[in-house]
PDB file of N, CA and C in Angstrom:
ATOM      1  N   ASN A   1     -95.077  -3.495  54.541  1.00  0.00           N
ATOM      2  CA  ASN A   1     -93.978  -3.849  53.658  1.00  0.00           C
ATOM      3  C   ASN A   1     -93.754  -2.693  52.684  1.00  0.00           C
ATOM      4  N   ASN A   2     -92.558  -2.173  52.670  1.00  0.00           N
ATOM      5  CA  ASN A   2     -92.250  -0.997  51.868  1.00  0.00           C
ATOM      6  C   ASN A   2     -91.208  -1.366  50.811  1.00  0.00           C
ATOM      7  N   THR A   3     -91.651  -1.928  49.683  1.00  0.00           N
ATOM      8  CA  THR A   3     -90.717  -2.332  48.625  1.00  0.00           C
ATOM      9  C   THR A   3     -91.056  -1.610  47.329  1.00  0.00           C
ATOM     10  N   THR A   4     -90.042  -1.396  46.534  1.00  0.00           N
ATOM     11  CA  THR A   4     -90.201  -0.757  45.232  1.00  0.00           C
ATOM     12  C   THR A   4     -89.461  -1.579  44.199  1.00  0.00           C
ATOM     13  N   GLU A   5     -90.135  -1.875  43.095  1.00  0.00           N
ATOM     14  CA  GLU A   5     -89.471  -2.597  42.009  1.00  0.00           C
ATOM     15  C   GLU A   5     -88.653  -1.602  41.197  1.00  0.00           C
ATOM     16  N   LEU A   6     -87.405  -1.953  40.924  1.00  0.00           N
ATOM     17  CA  LEU A   6     -86.507  -1.071  40.192  1.00  0.00           C
ATOM     18  C   LEU A   6     -85.931  -1.821  39.002  1.00  0.00           C
ATOM     19  N   ASN A   7     -86.114  -1.256  37.820  1.00  0.00           N
ATOM     20  CA  ASN A   7     -85.520  -1.822  36.608  1.00  0.00           C
ATOM     21  C   ASN A   7     -84.289  -1.005  36.252  1.00  0.00           C
ATOM     22  N   SER A   8     -83.264  -1.677  35.751  1.00  0.00           N
ATOM     23  CA  SER A   8     -82.031  -0.997  35.360  1.00  0.00           C
ATOM     24  C   SER A   8     -81.584  -1.483  33.997  1.00  0.00           C
ATOM     25  N   THR A   9     -81.025  -0.570  33.217  1.00  0.00           N
ATOM     26  CA  THR A   9     -80.386  -0.898  31.947  1.00  0.00           C
ATOM     27  C   THR A   9     -79.035  -0.207  31.944  1.00  0.00           C
ATOM     28  N   VAL A  10     -78.007  -0.925  31.505  1.00  0.00           N
ATOM     29  CA  VAL A  10     -76.657  -0.368  31.458  1.00  0.00           C
ATOM     30  C   VAL A  10     -76.295  -0.085  30.004  1.00  0.00           C
ATOM     31  N   TYR A  11     -75.786   1.118  29.759  1.00  0.00           N
ATOM     32  CA  TYR A  11     -75.325   1.532  28.432  1.00  0.00           C
ATOM     33  C   TYR A  11     -73.841   1.865  28.517  1.00  0.00           C
ATOM     34  N   PHE A  12     -73.111   1.540  27.478  1.00  0.00           N
ATOM     35  CA  PHE A  12     -71.708   1.914  27.384  1.00  0.00           C
ATOM     36  C   PHE A  12     -71.584   2.959  26.286  1.00  0.00           C
ATOM     37  N   CYS A  13     -71.084   4.131  26.635  1.00  0.00           N
ATOM     38  CA  CYS A  13     -70.957   5.251  25.708  1.00  0.00           C
ATOM     39  C   CYS A  13     -69.476   5.487  25.446  1.00  0.00           C
ATOM     40  N   ARG A  14     -69.093   5.434  24.191  1.00  0.00           N
ATOM     41  CA  ARG A  14     -67.678   5.528  23.835  1.00  0.00           C
ATOM     42  C   ARG A  14     -67.374   6.861  23.166  1.00  0.00           C
ATOM     43  N   ALA A  15     -66.268   7.462  23.581  1.00  0.00           N
ATOM     44  CA  ALA A  15     -65.734   8.675  22.952  1.00  0.00           C
ATOM     45  C   ALA A  15     -64.406   8.287  22.316  1.00  0.00           C
ATOM     46  N   HIS A  16     -64.391   8.167  21.002  1.00  0.00           N
ATOM     47  CA  HIS A  16     -63.178   7.787  20.274  1.00  0.00           C
ATOM     48  C   HIS A  16     -62.126   8.892  20.384  1.00  0.00           C
ATOM     49  N   HIS A  17     -60.890   8.564  20.020  1.00  0.00           N
ATOM     50  CA  HIS A  17     -59.787   9.523  20.155  1.00  0.00           C
ATOM     51  C   HIS A  17     -60.026  10.810  19.361  1.00  0.00           C
ATOM     52  N   ASN A  18     -60.774  10.740  18.268  1.00  0.00           N
ATOM     53  CA  ASN A  18     -60.997  11.924  17.424  1.00  0.00           C
ATOM     54  C   ASN A  18     -62.364  12.574  17.651  1.00  0.00           C
ATOM     55  N   GLU A  19     -63.031  12.248  18.746  1.00  0.00           N
ATOM     56  CA  GLU A  19     -64.353  12.805  19.052  1.00  0.00           C
ATOM     57  C   GLU A  19     -64.315  13.587  20.366  1.00  0.00           C
ATOM     58  N   PHE A  20     -65.148  14.600  20.453  1.00  0.00           N
ATOM     59  CA  PHE A  20     -65.386  15.356  21.691  1.00  0.00           C
ATOM     60  C   PHE A  20     -64.114  15.996  22.246  1.00  0.00           C
ATOM     61  N   ASN A  21     -63.231  16.457  21.368  1.00  0.00           N
ATOM     62  CA  ASN A  21     -61.990  17.088  21.809  1.00  0.00           C
ATOM     63  C   ASN A  21     -62.092  18.609  21.874  1.00  0.00           C
ATOM     64  N   TYR A  22     -63.219  19.159  21.475  1.00  0.00           N
ATOM     65  CA  TYR A  22     -63.420  20.606  21.499  1.00  0.00           C
ATOM     66  C   TYR A  22     -64.679  20.914  22.284  1.00  0.00           C
ATOM     67  N   SER A  23     -64.678  22.032  22.957  1.00  0.00           N
ATOM     68  CA  SER A  23     -65.851  22.443  23.713  1.00  0.00           C
ATOM     69  C   SER A  23     -66.896  23.045  22.782  1.00  0.00           C
ATOM     70  N   ALA A  24     -68.153  22.761  23.057  1.00  0.00           N
ATOM     71  CA  ALA A  24     -69.264  23.385  22.344  1.00  0.00           C
ATOM     72  C   ALA A  24     -69.783  24.595  23.123  1.00  0.00           C
ATOM     73  N   ASN A  25     -69.174  24.873  24.263  1.00  0.00           N
ATOM     74  CA  ASN A  25     -69.586  25.968  25.127  1.00  0.00           C
ATOM     75  C   ASN A  25     -69.089  27.297  24.555  1.00  0.00           C
ATOM     76  N   PRO A  26     -69.974  28.251  24.290  1.00  0.00           N
ATOM     77  CA  PRO A  26     -69.544  29.535  23.728  1.00  0.00           C
ATOM     78  C   PRO A  26     -68.683  30.357  24.687  1.00  0.00           C
ATOM     79  N   THR A  27     -68.627  29.998  25.970  1.00  0.00           N
ATOM     80  CA  THR A  27     -67.790  30.734  26.920  1.00  0.00           C
ATOM     81  C   THR A  27     -66.404  30.112  27.058  1.00  0.00           C
ATOM     82  N   TYR A  28     -66.073  29.193  26.188  1.00  0.00           N
ATOM     83  CA  TYR A  28     -64.739  28.584  26.172  1.00  0.00           C
ATOM     84  C   TYR A  28     -63.794  29.592  25.521  1.00  0.00           C
ATOM     85  N   LEU A  29     -63.219  30.464  26.336  1.00  0.00           N
ATOM     86  CA  LEU A  29     -62.516  31.634  25.822  1.00  0.00           C
ATOM     87  C   LEU A  29     -61.019  31.576  26.100  1.00  0.00           C
ATOM     88  N   THR A  30     -60.286  32.397  25.381  1.00  0.00           N
ATOM     89  CA  THR A  30     -58.877  32.607  25.695  1.00  0.00           C
ATOM     90  C   THR A  30     -58.804  33.422  26.983  1.00  0.00           C
ATOM     91  N   GLU A  31     -57.610  33.617  27.495  1.00  0.00           N
ATOM     92  CA  GLU A  31     -57.448  34.263  28.799  1.00  0.00           C
ATOM     93  C   GLU A  31     -58.091  35.640  28.888  1.00  0.00           C
ATOM     94  N   SER A  32     -57.842  36.507  27.923  1.00  0.00           N
ATOM     95  CA  SER A  32     -58.319  37.877  28.080  1.00  0.00           C
ATOM     96  C   SER A  32     -59.141  38.383  26.904  1.00  0.00           C
ATOM     97  N   GLN A  33     -59.348  37.574  25.912  1.00  0.00           N
ATOM     98  CA  GLN A  33     -60.074  38.037  24.739  1.00  0.00           C
ATOM     99  C   GLN A  33     -61.394  37.297  24.619  1.00  0.00           C
ATOM    100  N   ILE A  34     -62.384  37.999  24.085  1.00  0.00           N
ATOM    101  CA  ILE A  34     -63.688  37.387  23.926  1.00  0.00           C
ATOM    102  C   ILE A  34     -63.741  36.749  22.549  1.00  0.00           C
ATOM    103  N   ARG A  35     -63.111  35.608  22.426  1.00  0.00           N
ATOM    104  CA  ARG A  35     -63.178  34.818  21.201  1.00  0.00           C
ATOM    105  C   ARG A  35     -62.910  33.369  21.567  1.00  0.00           C
ATOM    106  N   VAL A  36     -63.400  32.489  20.770  1.00  0.00           N
ATOM    107  CA  VAL A  36     -63.227  31.068  21.048  1.00  0.00           C
ATOM    108  C   VAL A  36     -61.765  30.705  20.876  1.00  0.00           C
ATOM    109  N   LYS A  37     -61.242  29.933  21.815  1.00  0.00           N
ATOM    110  CA  LYS A  37     -59.847  29.498  21.743  1.00  0.00           C
ATOM    111  C   LYS A  37     -59.665  28.617  20.518  1.00  0.00           C
ATOM    112  N   ASN A  38     -58.748  29.003  19.656  1.00  0.00           N
ATOM    113  CA  ASN A  38     -58.470  28.202  18.468  1.00  0.00           C
ATOM    114  C   ASN A  38     -57.038  28.474  18.029  1.00  0.00           C
ATOM    115  N   VAL A  39     -56.090  27.861  18.696  1.00  0.00           N
ATOM    116  CA  VAL A  39     -54.681  27.998  18.357  1.00  0.00           C
ATOM    117  C   VAL A  39     -54.247  26.666  17.757  1.00  0.00           C
ATOM    118  N   PRO A  40     -53.956  26.634  16.446  1.00  0.00           N
ATOM    119  CA  PRO A  40     -53.648  25.360  15.789  1.00  0.00           C
ATOM    120  C   PRO A  40     -52.497  24.584  16.422  1.00  0.00           C
ATOM    121  N   SER A  41     -51.554  25.276  17.065  1.00  0.00           N
ATOM    122  CA  SER A  41     -50.418  24.571  17.657  1.00  0.00           C
ATOM    123  C   SER A  41     -50.767  23.899  18.979  1.00  0.00           C
ATOM    124  N   ASP A  42     -51.836  24.318  19.622  1.00  0.00           N
ATOM    125  CA  ASP A  42     -52.248  23.705  20.888  1.00  0.00           C
ATOM    126  C   ASP A  42     -53.010  22.410  20.638  1.00  0.00           C
ATOM    127  N   MET A  43     -52.738  21.405  21.476  1.00  0.00           N
ATOM    128  CA  MET A  43     -53.521  20.178  21.393  1.00  0.00           C
ATOM    129  C   MET A  43     -54.902  20.475  21.977  1.00  0.00           C
ATOM    130  N   PRO A  44     -55.966  20.129  21.264  1.00  0.00           N
ATOM    131  CA  PRO A  44     -57.304  20.400  21.796  1.00  0.00           C
ATOM    132  C   PRO A  44     -57.576  19.559  23.043  1.00  0.00           C
ATOM    133  N   VAL A  45     -58.178  20.191  24.025  1.00  0.00           N
ATOM    134  CA  VAL A  45     -58.518  19.521  25.278  1.00  0.00           C
ATOM    135  C   VAL A  45     -59.918  19.953  25.679  1.00  0.00           C
ATOM    136  N   SER A  46     -60.706  19.009  26.123  1.00  0.00           N
ATOM    137  CA  SER A  46     -62.012  19.332  26.686  1.00  0.00           C
ATOM    138  C   SER A  46     -62.217  18.451  27.914  1.00  0.00           C
ATOM    139  N   TYR A  47     -63.272  18.727  28.651  1.00  0.00           N
ATOM    140  CA  TYR A  47     -63.599  17.944  29.840  1.00  0.00           C
ATOM    141  C   TYR A  47     -65.046  17.489  29.713  1.00  0.00           C
ATOM    142  N   ILE A  48     -65.241  16.195  29.780  1.00  0.00           N
ATOM    143  CA  ILE A  48     -66.587  15.635  29.688  1.00  0.00           C
ATOM    144  C   ILE A  48     -67.223  15.701  31.069  1.00  0.00           C
ATOM    145  N   THR A  49     -68.393  16.323  31.143  1.00  0.00           N
ATOM    146  CA  THR A  49     -69.085  16.500  32.419  1.00  0.00           C
ATOM    147  C   THR A  49     -70.451  15.826  32.450  1.00  0.00           C
ATOM    148  N   SER A  50     -70.985  15.468  31.280  1.00  0.00           N
ATOM    149  CA  SER A  50     -72.308  14.847  31.235  1.00  0.00           C
ATOM    150  C   SER A  50     -72.430  13.979  29.990  1.00  0.00           C
ATOM    151  N   VAL A  51     -73.427  13.106  30.022  1.00  0.00           N
ATOM    152  CA  VAL A  51     -73.693  12.188  28.913  1.00  0.00           C
ATOM    153  C   VAL A  51     -75.185  12.241  28.623  1.00  0.00           C
ATOM    154  N   GLY A  52     -75.537  12.318  27.355  1.00  0.00           N
ATOM    155  CA  GLY A  52     -76.937  12.291  26.955  1.00  0.00           C
ATOM    156  C   GLY A  52     -77.252  11.005  26.216  1.00  0.00           C
ATOM    157  N   LEU A  53     -78.396  10.414  26.509  1.00  0.00           N
ATOM    158  CA  LEU A  53     -78.882   9.227  25.796  1.00  0.00           C
ATOM    159  C   LEU A  53     -80.017   9.683  24.883  1.00  0.00           C
ATOM    160  N   TYR A  54     -79.875   9.391  23.586  1.00  0.00           N
ATOM    161  CA  TYR A  54     -80.800   9.902  22.573  1.00  0.00           C
ATOM    162  C   TYR A  54     -81.544   8.779  21.861  1.00  0.00           C
ATOM    163  N   SER A  55     -82.742   9.082  21.393  1.00  0.00           N
ATOM    164  CA  SER A  55     -83.529   8.156  20.582  1.00  0.00           C
ATOM    165  C   SER A  55     -82.982   8.171  19.156  1.00  0.00           C
ATOM    166  N   PRO A  56     -83.414   7.223  18.311  1.00  0.00           N
ATOM    167  CA  PRO A  56     -83.009   7.251  16.897  1.00  0.00           C
ATOM    168  C   PRO A  56     -83.441   8.538  16.180  1.00  0.00           C
ATOM    169  N   ASP A  57     -84.445   9.233  16.723  1.00  0.00           N
ATOM    170  CA  ASP A  57     -84.912  10.500  16.146  1.00  0.00           C
ATOM    171  C   ASP A  57     -84.189  11.707  16.740  1.00  0.00           C
ATOM    172  N   ASN A  58     -83.092  11.463  17.449  1.00  0.00           N
ATOM    173  CA  ASN A  58     -82.266  12.507  18.056  1.00  0.00           C
ATOM    174  C   ASN A  58     -83.004  13.277  19.152  1.00  0.00           C
ATOM    175  N   GLU A  59     -83.899  12.594  19.846  1.00  0.00           N
ATOM    176  CA  GLU A  59     -84.631  13.181  20.968  1.00  0.00           C
ATOM    177  C   GLU A  59     -83.920  12.776  22.257  1.00  0.00           C
ATOM    178  N   LEU A  60     -83.580  13.751  23.103  1.00  0.00           N
ATOM    179  CA  LEU A  60     -82.912  13.460  24.363  1.00  0.00           C
ATOM    180  C   LEU A  60     -83.863  12.704  25.286  1.00  0.00           C
ATOM    181  N   LEU A  61     -83.453  11.512  25.703  1.00  0.00           N
ATOM    182  CA  LEU A  61     -84.282  10.678  26.570  1.00  0.00           C
ATOM    183  C   LEU A  61     -83.836  10.736  28.022  1.00  0.00           C
ATOM    184  N   ALA A  62     -82.529  10.840  28.247  1.00  0.00           N
ATOM    185  CA  ALA A  62     -81.995  10.870  29.608  1.00  0.00           C
ATOM    186  C   ALA A  62     -80.657  11.594  29.592  1.00  0.00           C
ATOM    187  N   ALA A  63     -80.333  12.203  30.728  1.00  0.00           N
ATOM    188  CA  ALA A  63     -79.048  12.890  30.873  1.00  0.00           C
ATOM    189  C   ALA A  63     -78.400  12.432  32.167  1.00  0.00           C
ATOM    190  N   ALA A  64     -77.096  12.220  32.116  1.00  0.00           N
ATOM    191  CA  ALA A  64     -76.338  11.802  33.293  1.00  0.00           C
ATOM    192  C   ALA A  64     -75.211  12.797  33.531  1.00  0.00           C
ATOM    193  N   LYS A  65     -74.952  13.101  34.786  1.00  0.00           N
ATOM    194  CA  LYS A  65     -73.847  13.986  35.167  1.00  0.00           C
ATOM    195  C   LYS A  65     -72.746  13.136  35.795  1.00  0.00           C
ATOM    196  N   LEU A  66     -71.505  13.414  35.412  1.00  0.00           N
ATOM    197  CA  LEU A  66     -70.374  12.714  35.994  1.00  0.00           C
ATOM    198  C   LEU A  66     -70.037  13.326  37.350  1.00  0.00           C
ATOM    199  N   SER A  67     -69.521  12.522  38.265  1.00  0.00           N
ATOM    200  CA  SER A  67     -69.154  13.041  39.582  1.00  0.00           C
ATOM    201  C   SER A  67     -67.942  13.956  39.495  1.00  0.00           C
ATOM    202  N   GLU A  68     -67.060  13.708  38.529  1.00  0.00           N
ATOM    203  CA  GLU A  68     -65.894  14.558  38.280  1.00  0.00           C
ATOM    204  C   GLU A  68     -65.710  14.691  36.775  1.00  0.00           C
ATOM    205  N   PRO A  69     -65.303  15.864  36.285  1.00  0.00           N
ATOM    206  CA  PRO A  69     -65.037  16.008  34.847  1.00  0.00           C
ATOM    207  C   PRO A  69     -63.905  15.081  34.404  1.00  0.00           C
ATOM    208  N   LEU A  70     -64.038  14.523  33.205  1.00  0.00           N
ATOM    209  CA  LEU A  70     -63.002  13.657  32.638  1.00  0.00           C
ATOM    210  C   LEU A  70     -62.290  14.399  31.516  1.00  0.00           C
ATOM    211  N   ARG A  71     -60.967  14.453  31.602  1.00  0.00           N
ATOM    212  CA  ARG A  71     -60.168  15.119  30.567  1.00  0.00           C
ATOM    213  C   ARG A  71     -60.221  14.295  29.289  1.00  0.00           C
ATOM    214  N   LYS A  72     -60.460  14.967  28.168  1.00  0.00           N
ATOM    215  CA  LYS A  72     -60.542  14.308  26.860  1.00  0.00           C
ATOM    216  C   LYS A  72     -59.678  15.069  25.878  1.00  0.00           C
ATOM    217  N   ASP A  73     -58.781  14.354  25.201  1.00  0.00           N
ATOM    218  CA  ASP A  73     -57.953  14.942  24.148  1.00  0.00           C
ATOM    219  C   ASP A  73     -57.710  13.876  23.086  1.00  0.00           C
ATOM    220  N   PRO A  74     -57.049  14.221  21.978  1.00  0.00           N
ATOM    221  CA  PRO A  74     -56.875  13.253  20.881  1.00  0.00           C
ATOM    222  C   PRO A  74     -56.003  12.042  21.218  1.00  0.00           C
ATOM    223  N   THR A  75     -55.356  12.043  22.377  1.00  0.00           N
ATOM    224  CA  THR A  75     -54.502  10.904  22.731  1.00  0.00           C
ATOM    225  C   THR A  75     -55.235   9.830  23.524  1.00  0.00           C
ATOM    226  N   ASN A  76     -56.488  10.069  23.890  1.00  0.00           N
ATOM    227  CA  ASN A  76     -57.187   9.052  24.682  1.00  0.00           C
ATOM    228  C   ASN A  76     -58.595   8.785  24.158  1.00  0.00           C
ATOM    229  N   GLU A  77     -59.091   7.619  24.507  1.00  0.00           N
ATOM    230  CA  GLU A  77     -60.473   7.234  24.239  1.00  0.00           C
ATOM    231  C   GLU A  77     -61.112   6.902  25.574  1.00  0.00           C
ATOM    232  N   LEU A  78     -62.389   7.176  25.691  1.00  0.00           N
ATOM    233  CA  LEU A  78     -63.103   6.917  26.936  1.00  0.00           C
ATOM    234  C   LEU A  78     -64.316   6.042  26.666  1.00  0.00           C
ATOM    235  N   THR A  79     -64.597   5.141  27.587  1.00  0.00           N
ATOM    236  CA  THR A  79     -65.844   4.388  27.575  1.00  0.00           C
ATOM    237  C   THR A  79     -66.521   4.642  28.912  1.00  0.00           C
ATOM    238  N   LEU A  80     -67.708   5.216  28.860  1.00  0.00           N
ATOM    239  CA  LEU A  80     -68.453   5.547  30.070  1.00  0.00           C
ATOM    240  C   LEU A  80     -69.582   4.550  30.253  1.00  0.00           C
ATOM    241  N   ARG A  81     -69.701   4.038  31.456  1.00  0.00           N
ATOM    242  CA  ARG A  81     -70.780   3.109  31.803  1.00  0.00           C
ATOM    243  C   ARG A  81     -71.894   3.930  32.447  1.00  0.00           C
ATOM    244  N   VAL A  82     -73.071   3.893  31.829  1.00  0.00           N
ATOM    245  CA  VAL A  82     -74.220   4.655  32.321  1.00  0.00           C
ATOM    246  C   VAL A  82     -75.313   3.668  32.695  1.00  0.00           C
ATOM    247  N   ARG A  83     -75.767   3.736  33.941  1.00  0.00           N
ATOM    248  CA  ARG A  83     -76.868   2.876  34.378  1.00  0.00           C
ATOM    249  C   ARG A  83     -78.129   3.722  34.488  1.00  0.00           C
ATOM    250  N   LEU A  84     -79.162   3.296  33.784  1.00  0.00           N
ATOM    251  CA  LEU A  84     -80.448   3.980  33.803  1.00  0.00           C
ATOM    252  C   LEU A  84     -81.402   3.168  34.669  1.00  0.00           C
ATOM    253  N   ASP A  85     -81.837   3.762  35.778  1.00  0.00           N
ATOM    254  CA  ASP A  85     -82.811   3.123  36.673  1.00  0.00           C
ATOM    255  C   ASP A  85     -84.187   3.705  36.390  1.00  0.00           C
ATOM    256  N   TYR A  86     -85.188   2.829  36.309  1.00  0.00           N
ATOM    257  CA  TYR A  86     -86.551   3.294  36.059  1.00  0.00           C
ATOM    258  C   TYR A  86     -87.550   2.352  36.686  1.00  0.00           C
TER     259      TYR A  86
END
């Protein structure tokens, strides 16, 4: 008999309209210049590619990768469902 007990917990992670609209990646550059894109007239856009689950002490406990990047800008809010199997 080949069975494994699997426990799962589901977390819902929310990105409000005013959160996560800018990239923290230092290679987020303009087309030809080595500087961070920051044009006040442009609507900020980023793409969410992963989610981190943190302890109350800000210690990373788990990381999840999305199958496809999700576009995030100030006009939308996202709720991501993350299932942790252990």
